[in-house]
């Protein structure tokens, strides 16, 4: 499915709908903007996704785990 001149990012781009192994999405031909319409996160879920992964143990300056 195509939507002519309906890109919310560049306002002149044409969107097309497609799907892959991760689900359905819309993408702009001109600027590459991508929208996954089936995925809506709550505020708590969005914050949880942005939290860094904590590695147990001390980390030196080169981001390597130092044995204790």
PDB file of N, CA and C in Angstrom:
ATOM      1  N   UNK A   1       0.841  -1.171   0.000  1.00  0.00           N
ATOM      2  CA  UNK A   1       0.000   0.000   0.000  1.00  0.00           C
ATOM      3  C   UNK A   1       0.893   1.243   0.000  1.00  0.00           C
ATOM      4  N   UNK A   2       0.531   2.235  -0.790  1.00  0.00           N
ATOM      5  CA  UNK A   2       1.290   3.472  -0.884  1.00  0.00           C
ATOM      6  C   UNK A   2       0.454   4.644  -0.400  1.00  0.00           C
ATOM      7  N   UNK A   3       1.097   5.560   0.292  1.00  0.00           N
ATOM      8  CA  UNK A   3       0.462   6.808   0.717  1.00  0.00           C
ATOM      9  C   UNK A   3       1.312   7.940   0.148  1.00  0.00           C
ATOM     10  N   UNK A   4       0.771   8.654  -0.805  1.00  0.00           N
ATOM     11  CA  UNK A   4       1.515   9.690  -1.508  1.00  0.00           C
ATOM     12  C   UNK A   4       1.643  10.945  -0.639  1.00  0.00           C
ATOM     13  N   UNK A   5       2.870  11.467  -0.554  1.00  0.00           N
ATOM     14  CA  UNK A   5       3.202  12.698   0.180  1.00  0.00           C
ATOM     15  C   UNK A   5       2.611  12.732   1.589  1.00  0.00           C
ATOM     16  N   UNK A   6       2.811  11.673   2.334  1.00  0.00           N
ATOM     17  CA  UNK A   6       2.248  11.629   3.686  1.00  0.00           C
ATOM     18  C   UNK A   6       3.283  11.304   4.760  1.00  0.00           C
ATOM     19  N   UNK A   7       4.555  11.544   4.489  1.00  0.00           N
ATOM     20  CA  UNK A   7       5.597  11.279   5.482  1.00  0.00           C
ATOM     21  C   UNK A   7       5.571  12.354   6.567  1.00  0.00           C
ATOM     22  N   UNK A   8       5.484  11.973   7.859  1.00  0.00           N
ATOM     23  CA  UNK A   8       5.468  12.967   8.930  1.00  0.00           C
ATOM     24  C   UNK A   8       6.829  13.613   9.178  1.00  0.00           C
ATOM     25  N   UNK A   9       7.892  13.034   8.637  1.00  0.00           N
ATOM     26  CA  UNK A   9       9.232  13.579   8.857  1.00  0.00           C
ATOM     27  C   UNK A   9       9.615  14.610   7.792  1.00  0.00           C
ATOM     28  N   UNK A  10       9.504  14.243   6.503  1.00  0.00           N
ATOM     29  CA  UNK A  10       9.942  15.155   5.444  1.00  0.00           C
ATOM     30  C   UNK A  10       8.780  15.857   4.738  1.00  0.00           C
ATOM     31  N   UNK A  11       7.556  15.417   4.943  1.00  0.00           N
ATOM     32  CA  UNK A  11       6.329  16.016   4.413  1.00  0.00           C
ATOM     33  C   UNK A  11       6.207  15.969   2.894  1.00  0.00           C
ATOM     34  N   UNK A  12       7.175  15.416   2.178  1.00  0.00           N
ATOM     35  CA  UNK A  12       7.046  15.265   0.727  1.00  0.00           C
ATOM     36  C   UNK A  12       7.214  13.812   0.301  1.00  0.00           C
ATOM     37  N   UNK A  13       7.587  12.956   1.251  1.00  0.00           N
ATOM     38  CA  UNK A  13       7.882  11.567   0.939  1.00  0.00           C
ATOM     39  C   UNK A  13       6.650  10.699   0.802  1.00  0.00           C
ATOM     40  N   UNK A  14       6.812   9.639   0.034  1.00  0.00           N
ATOM     41  CA  UNK A  14       5.751   8.661  -0.186  1.00  0.00           C
ATOM     42  C   UNK A  14       5.995   7.460   0.720  1.00  0.00           C
ATOM     43  N   UNK A  15       4.978   7.069   1.474  1.00  0.00           N
ATOM     44  CA  UNK A  15       5.084   5.933   2.380  1.00  0.00           C
ATOM     45  C   UNK A  15       4.592   4.666   1.703  1.00  0.00           C
ATOM     46  N   UNK A  16       5.248   3.566   2.003  1.00  0.00           N
ATOM     47  CA  UNK A  16       4.753   2.264   1.574  1.00  0.00           C
ATOM     48  C   UNK A  16       4.734   1.330   2.771  1.00  0.00           C
ATOM     49  N   UNK A  17       3.767   0.443   2.787  1.00  0.00           N
ATOM     50  CA  UNK A  17       3.634  -0.519   3.869  1.00  0.00           C
ATOM     51  C   UNK A  17       4.192  -1.864   3.459  1.00  0.00           C
ATOM     52  N   UNK A  18       4.870  -2.521   4.379  1.00  0.00           N
ATOM     53  CA  UNK A  18       5.464  -3.827   4.112  1.00  0.00           C
ATOM     54  C   UNK A  18       5.570  -4.569   5.438  1.00  0.00           C
ATOM     55  N   UNK A  19       6.033  -5.800   5.394  1.00  0.00           N
ATOM     56  CA  UNK A  19       6.249  -6.560   6.623  1.00  0.00           C
ATOM     57  C   UNK A  19       7.450  -7.474   6.445  1.00  0.00           C
ATOM     58  N   UNK A  20       8.071  -7.812   7.564  1.00  0.00           N
ATOM     59  CA  UNK A  20       9.187  -8.743   7.583  1.00  0.00           C
ATOM     60  C   UNK A  20       9.023  -9.651   8.792  1.00  0.00           C
ATOM     61  N   UNK A  21      10.095 -10.325   9.210  1.00  0.00           N
ATOM     62  CA  UNK A  21       9.962 -11.271  10.317  1.00  0.00           C
ATOM     63  C   UNK A  21       9.668 -10.590  11.648  1.00  0.00           C
ATOM     64  N   UNK A  22       9.858  -9.262  11.729  1.00  0.00           N
ATOM     65  CA  UNK A  22       9.586  -8.528  12.962  1.00  0.00           C
ATOM     66  C   UNK A  22       8.194  -7.915  12.994  1.00  0.00           C
ATOM     67  N   UNK A  23       7.468  -7.954  11.895  1.00  0.00           N
ATOM     68  CA  UNK A  23       6.112  -7.416  11.861  1.00  0.00           C
ATOM     69  C   UNK A  23       5.924  -6.395  10.756  1.00  0.00           C
ATOM     70  N   UNK A  24       4.751  -5.782  10.740  1.00  0.00           N
ATOM     71  CA  UNK A  24       4.410  -4.796   9.717  1.00  0.00           C
ATOM     72  C   UNK A  24       5.056  -3.450  10.032  1.00  0.00           C
ATOM     73  N   UNK A  25       5.355  -2.675   8.979  1.00  0.00           N
ATOM     74  CA  UNK A  25       5.932  -1.351   9.144  1.00  0.00           C
ATOM     75  C   UNK A  25       5.590  -0.482   7.946  1.00  0.00           C
ATOM     76  N   UNK A  26       5.775   0.829   8.112  1.00  0.00           N
ATOM     77  CA  UNK A  26       5.659   1.796   7.028  1.00  0.00           C
ATOM     78  C   UNK A  26       7.009   2.472   6.883  1.00  0.00           C
ATOM     79  N   UNK A  27       7.421   2.748   5.631  1.00  0.00           N
ATOM     80  CA  UNK A  27       8.704   3.393   5.408  1.00  0.00           C
ATOM     81  C   UNK A  27       8.576   4.418   4.293  1.00  0.00           C
ATOM     82  N   UNK A  28       9.326   5.517   4.425  1.00  0.00           N
ATOM     83  CA  UNK A  28       9.313   6.584   3.431  1.00  0.00           C
ATOM     84  C   UNK A  28      10.365   6.294   2.367  1.00  0.00           C
ATOM     85  N   UNK A  29       9.982   6.427   1.095  1.00  0.00           N
ATOM     86  CA  UNK A  29      10.929   6.223   0.002  1.00  0.00           C
ATOM     87  C   UNK A  29      12.022   7.292  -0.005  1.00  0.00           C
ATOM     88  N   UNK A  30      11.676   8.533   0.299  1.00  0.00           N
ATOM     89  CA  UNK A  30      12.607   9.637   0.143  1.00  0.00           C
ATOM     90  C   UNK A  30      13.585   9.776   1.311  1.00  0.00           C
ATOM     91  N   UNK A  31      13.109   9.768   2.550  1.00  0.00           N
ATOM     92  CA  UNK A  31      14.007  10.046   3.681  1.00  0.00           C
ATOM     93  C   UNK A  31      14.341   8.820   4.523  1.00  0.00           C
ATOM     94  N   UNK A  32      13.614   7.707   4.353  1.00  0.00           N
ATOM     95  CA  UNK A  32      13.923   6.490   5.084  1.00  0.00           C
ATOM     96  C   UNK A  32      13.256   6.359   6.436  1.00  0.00           C
ATOM     97  N   UNK A  33      12.376   7.291   6.800  1.00  0.00           N
ATOM     98  CA  UNK A  33      11.660   7.226   8.079  1.00  0.00           C
ATOM     99  C   UNK A  33      10.896   5.914   8.171  1.00  0.00           C
ATOM    100  N   UNK A  34      10.905   5.270   9.350  1.00  0.00           N
ATOM    101  CA  UNK A  34      10.233   3.987   9.545  1.00  0.00           C
ATOM    102  C   UNK A  34       9.271   4.102  10.721  1.00  0.00           C
ATOM    103  N   UNK A  35       8.089   3.525  10.573  1.00  0.00           N
ATOM    104  CA  UNK A  35       7.084   3.499  11.627  1.00  0.00           C
ATOM    105  C   UNK A  35       6.597   2.070  11.791  1.00  0.00           C
ATOM    106  N   UNK A  36       6.576   1.600  13.028  1.00  0.00           N
ATOM    107  CA  UNK A  36       6.009   0.294  13.345  1.00  0.00           C
ATOM    108  C   UNK A  36       4.657   0.542  14.006  1.00  0.00           C
ATOM    109  N   UNK A  37       3.564   0.547  13.242  1.00  0.00           N
ATOM    110  CA  UNK A  37       2.276   0.978  13.785  1.00  0.00           C
ATOM    111  C   UNK A  37       1.715   0.087  14.882  1.00  0.00           C
ATOM    112  N   UNK A  38       2.079  -1.169  14.964  1.00  0.00           N
ATOM    113  CA  UNK A  38       1.528  -2.052  15.980  1.00  0.00           C
ATOM    114  C   UNK A  38       2.220  -1.952  17.319  1.00  0.00           C
ATOM    115  N   UNK A  39       3.288  -1.180  17.426  1.00  0.00           N
ATOM    116  CA  UNK A  39       4.078  -1.130  18.651  1.00  0.00           C
ATOM    117  C   UNK A  39       3.899   0.211  19.342  1.00  0.00           C
ATOM    118  N   UNK A  40       3.154   0.208  20.446  1.00  0.00           N
ATOM    119  CA  UNK A  40       2.952   1.407  21.245  1.00  0.00           C
ATOM    120  C   UNK A  40       3.374   1.092  22.675  1.00  0.00           C
ATOM    121  N   UNK A  41       4.358   1.839  23.170  1.00  0.00           N
ATOM    122  CA  UNK A  41       4.885   1.607  24.508  1.00  0.00           C
ATOM    123  C   UNK A  41       4.300   2.596  25.500  1.00  0.00           C
ATOM    124  N   UNK A  42       4.147   2.137  26.729  1.00  0.00           N
ATOM    125  CA  UNK A  42       3.780   3.058  27.800  1.00  0.00           C
ATOM    126  C   UNK A  42       5.048   3.799  28.232  1.00  0.00           C
ATOM    127  N   UNK A  43       4.894   4.828  29.039  1.00  0.00           N
ATOM    128  CA  UNK A  43       6.036   5.607  29.507  1.00  0.00           C
ATOM    129  C   UNK A  43       7.011   4.729  30.294  1.00  0.00           C
ATOM    130  N   UNK A  44       6.492   3.829  31.128  1.00  0.00           N
ATOM    131  CA  UNK A  44       7.346   2.959  31.936  1.00  0.00           C
ATOM    132  C   UNK A  44       8.135   1.989  31.054  1.00  0.00           C
ATOM    133  N   UNK A  45       7.503   1.449  30.017  1.00  0.00           N
ATOM    134  CA  UNK A  45       8.193   0.525  29.117  1.00  0.00           C
ATOM    135  C   UNK A  45       9.289   1.236  28.334  1.00  0.00           C
ATOM    136  N   UNK A  46       9.036   2.460  27.901  1.00  0.00           N
ATOM    137  CA  UNK A  46      10.040   3.218  27.160  1.00  0.00           C
ATOM    138  C   UNK A  46      11.248   3.535  28.034  1.00  0.00           C
ATOM    139  N   UNK A  47      11.007   3.894  29.286  1.00  0.00           N
ATOM    140  CA  UNK A  47      12.108   4.183  30.207  1.00  0.00           C
ATOM    141  C   UNK A  47      12.909   2.916  30.487  1.00  0.00           C
ATOM    142  N   UNK A  48      12.222   1.785  30.649  1.00  0.00           N
ATOM    143  CA  UNK A  48      12.907   0.518  30.920  1.00  0.00           C
ATOM    144  C   UNK A  48      13.787   0.101  29.748  1.00  0.00           C
ATOM    145  N   UNK A  49      13.368   0.393  28.512  1.00  0.00           N
ATOM    146  CA  UNK A  49      14.188   0.052  27.348  1.00  0.00           C
ATOM    147  C   UNK A  49      15.457   0.879  27.289  1.00  0.00           C
ATOM    148  N   UNK A  50      15.438   2.106  27.810  1.00  0.00           N
ATOM    149  CA  UNK A  50      16.595   2.990  27.737  1.00  0.00           C
ATOM    150  C   UNK A  50      17.594   2.764  28.857  1.00  0.00           C
ATOM    151  N   UNK A  51      17.213   2.032  29.902  1.00  0.00           N
ATOM    152  CA  UNK A  51      18.118   1.811  31.024  1.00  0.00           C
ATOM    153  C   UNK A  51      19.313   0.973  30.580  1.00  0.00           C
ATOM    154  N   UNK A  52      20.526   1.355  30.991  1.00  0.00           N
ATOM    155  CA  UNK A  52      21.714   0.598  30.587  1.00  0.00           C
ATOM    156  C   UNK A  52      21.774  -0.769  31.263  1.00  0.00           C
ATOM    157  N   UNK A  53      22.432  -1.679  30.610  1.00  0.00           N
ATOM    158  CA  UNK A  53      22.622  -3.013  31.164  1.00  0.00           C
ATOM    159  C   UNK A  53      23.778  -2.951  32.152  1.00  0.00           C
ATOM    160  N   UNK A  54      23.580  -3.465  33.345  1.00  0.00           N
ATOM    161  CA  UNK A  54      24.597  -3.425  34.392  1.00  0.00           C
ATOM    162  C   UNK A  54      25.320  -4.763  34.416  1.00  0.00           C
ATOM    163  N   UNK A  55      26.654  -4.684  34.309  1.00  0.00           N
ATOM    164  CA  UNK A  55      27.484  -5.882  34.360  1.00  0.00           C
ATOM    165  C   UNK A  55      28.035  -5.996  35.776  1.00  0.00           C
ATOM    166  N   UNK A  56      27.821  -7.130  36.444  1.00  0.00           N
ATOM    167  CA  UNK A  56      28.367  -7.263  37.795  1.00  0.00           C
ATOM    168  C   UNK A  56      29.894  -7.299  37.762  1.00  0.00           C
ATOM    169  N   UNK A  57      30.502  -6.670  38.720  1.00  0.00           N
ATOM    170  CA  UNK A  57      31.957  -6.615  38.787  1.00  0.00           C
ATOM    171  C   UNK A  57      32.452  -5.212  38.481  1.00  0.00           C
ATOM    172  N   UNK A  58      33.707  -4.977  38.785  1.00  0.00           N
ATOM    173  CA  UNK A  58      34.300  -3.669  38.559  1.00  0.00           C
ATOM    174  C   UNK A  58      34.740  -3.549  37.103  1.00  0.00           C
ATOM    175  N   UNK A  59      34.550  -2.372  36.514  1.00  0.00           N
ATOM    176  CA  UNK A  59      34.924  -2.151  35.121  1.00  0.00           C
ATOM    177  C   UNK A  59      36.047  -1.122  35.087  1.00  0.00           C
ATOM    178  N   UNK A  60      37.140  -1.433  34.371  1.00  0.00           N
ATOM    179  CA  UNK A  60      38.236  -0.479  34.279  1.00  0.00           C
ATOM    180  C   UNK A  60      37.948   0.544  33.175  1.00  0.00           C
ATOM    181  N   UNK A  61      38.889   1.425  32.896  1.00  0.00           N
ATOM    182  CA  UNK A  61      38.679   2.521  31.945  1.00  0.00           C
ATOM    183  C   UNK A  61      38.446   2.032  30.520  1.00  0.00           C
ATOM    184  N   UNK A  62      38.932   0.867  30.178  1.00  0.00           N
ATOM    185  CA  UNK A  62      38.748   0.335  28.830  1.00  0.00           C
ATOM    186  C   UNK A  62      37.500  -0.521  28.719  1.00  0.00           C
ATOM    187  N   UNK A  63      36.596  -0.393  29.676  1.00  0.00           N
ATOM    188  CA  UNK A  63      35.308  -1.090  29.691  1.00  0.00           C
ATOM    189  C   UNK A  63      35.468  -2.600  29.752  1.00  0.00           C
ATOM    190  N   UNK A  64      36.526  -3.064  30.411  1.00  0.00           N
ATOM    191  CA  UNK A  64      36.726  -4.493  30.615  1.00  0.00           C
ATOM    192  C   UNK A  64      36.423  -4.846  32.065  1.00  0.00           C
ATOM    193  N   UNK A  65      35.856  -5.995  32.270  1.00  0.00           N
ATOM    194  CA  UNK A  65      35.553  -6.439  33.628  1.00  0.00           C
ATOM    195  C   UNK A  65      36.837  -6.926  34.277  1.00  0.00           C
ATOM    196  N   UNK A  66      37.120  -6.406  35.471  1.00  0.00           N
ATOM    197  CA  UNK A  66      38.329  -6.756  36.207  1.00  0.00           C
ATOM    198  C   UNK A  66      37.977  -7.842  37.210  1.00  0.00           C
ATOM    199  N   UNK A  67      38.809  -8.885  37.265  1.00  0.00           N
ATOM    200  CA  UNK A  67      38.579  -9.969  38.229  1.00  0.00           C
ATOM    201  C   UNK A  67      38.739  -9.436  39.643  1.00  0.00           C
ATOM    202  N   UNK A  68      37.918  -9.938  40.555  1.00  0.00           N
ATOM    203  CA  UNK A  68      37.963  -9.463  41.936  1.00  0.00           C
ATOM    204  C   UNK A  68      38.728 -10.402  42.815  1.00  0.00           C
TER     205      UNK A  68
END
